[in-house]
Protein backbone atom coordinates (compact mmCIF):
# COMPACT_ATOMS: atom_id res chain seq x y z
CA UNK A 1 -1.92 0.01 7.90
CA UNK A 2 -0.66 3.24 5.65
CA UNK A 3 -2.61 6.64 5.81
CA UNK A 4 -4.62 7.85 2.79
CA UNK A 5 -1.97 10.48 2.22
CA UNK A 6 0.89 8.19 2.33
CA UNK A 7 -0.55 5.83 -0.15
CA UNK A 8 -1.61 8.86 -2.36
CA UNK A 9 2.34 9.97 -2.28
CA UNK A 10 3.37 6.55 -3.38
CA UNK A 11 1.14 6.53 -6.42
CA UNK A 12 2.67 10.02 -7.76
CA UNK A 13 5.55 9.44 -10.36
CA UNK A 14 8.60 10.68 -7.99
CA UNK A 15 11.54 12.97 -8.95
CA UNK A 16 14.00 10.13 -9.06
CA UNK A 17 13.36 6.58 -9.71
CA UNK A 18 15.01 5.31 -6.82
CA UNK A 19 12.39 6.83 -4.74
CA UNK A 20 9.85 4.63 -5.84
CA UNK A 21 8.00 3.11 -2.96
CA UNK A 22 6.16 -0.59 -3.88
CA UNK A 23 2.97 -0.78 -1.50
CA UNK A 24 0.41 -3.54 -1.12
CA UNK A 25 -2.50 -2.75 -2.90
CA UNK A 26 -4.76 -4.10 0.05
CA UNK A 27 -3.64 -2.36 2.82
CA UNK A 28 -0.95 -0.16 1.75
CA UNK A 29 2.20 -1.93 3.83
CA UNK A 30 5.34 -1.10 2.27
CA UNK A 31 7.67 -3.60 4.12
CA UNK A 32 7.61 -7.05 3.31
CA UNK A 33 6.23 -6.80 -0.12
CA UNK A 34 6.26 -9.31 -2.89
CA UNK A 35 6.43 -7.92 -6.61
CA UNK A 36 5.09 -11.01 -8.18
CA UNK A 37 1.68 -10.81 -6.28
CA UNK A 38 1.53 -6.99 -5.30
CA UNK A 39 0.95 -8.01 -1.95
CA UNK A 40 2.66 -7.67 1.37
CA UNK A 41 3.78 -10.89 3.50
CA UNK A 42 0.66 -10.71 5.46
CA UNK A 43 -2.15 -10.20 3.23
CA UNK A 44 -0.36 -12.98 1.14
CA UNK A 45 -0.42 -15.41 3.54
CA UNK A 46 -4.30 -14.44 4.44
CA UNK A 47 -5.20 -14.84 0.95
CA UNK A 48 -3.29 -17.80 0.19
CA UNK A 49 -4.61 -19.65 3.40
CA UNK A 50 -8.11 -18.95 1.97
CA UNK A 51 -6.92 -20.36 -1.52
CA UNK A 52 -7.78 -17.22 -3.10
CA UNK A 53 -4.70 -16.74 -4.98
CA UNK A 54 -4.40 -19.21 -7.81
CA UNK A 55 -1.51 -21.42 -8.23
CA UNK A 56 -0.36 -21.46 -4.54
CA UNK A 57 -0.77 -24.00 -1.89
CA UNK A 58 0.22 -24.28 1.71
CA UNK A 59 3.09 -27.01 1.72
CA UNK A 60 3.03 -30.20 4.00
CA UNK A 61 5.62 -33.14 4.12
């Protein structure tokens, strides 16, 4: 989990656009980030399994 300081720094506009860091809005994790949902892979899986993300279902075949 990211600290409050790391989250605050990533919310500021960087000097160069390539320095922008995408973070999960729930936990602040920066790796495994999905732009479409604004979540990291771990939070995405938790919410999808609970059925809290509209249009996402667990696949089975």
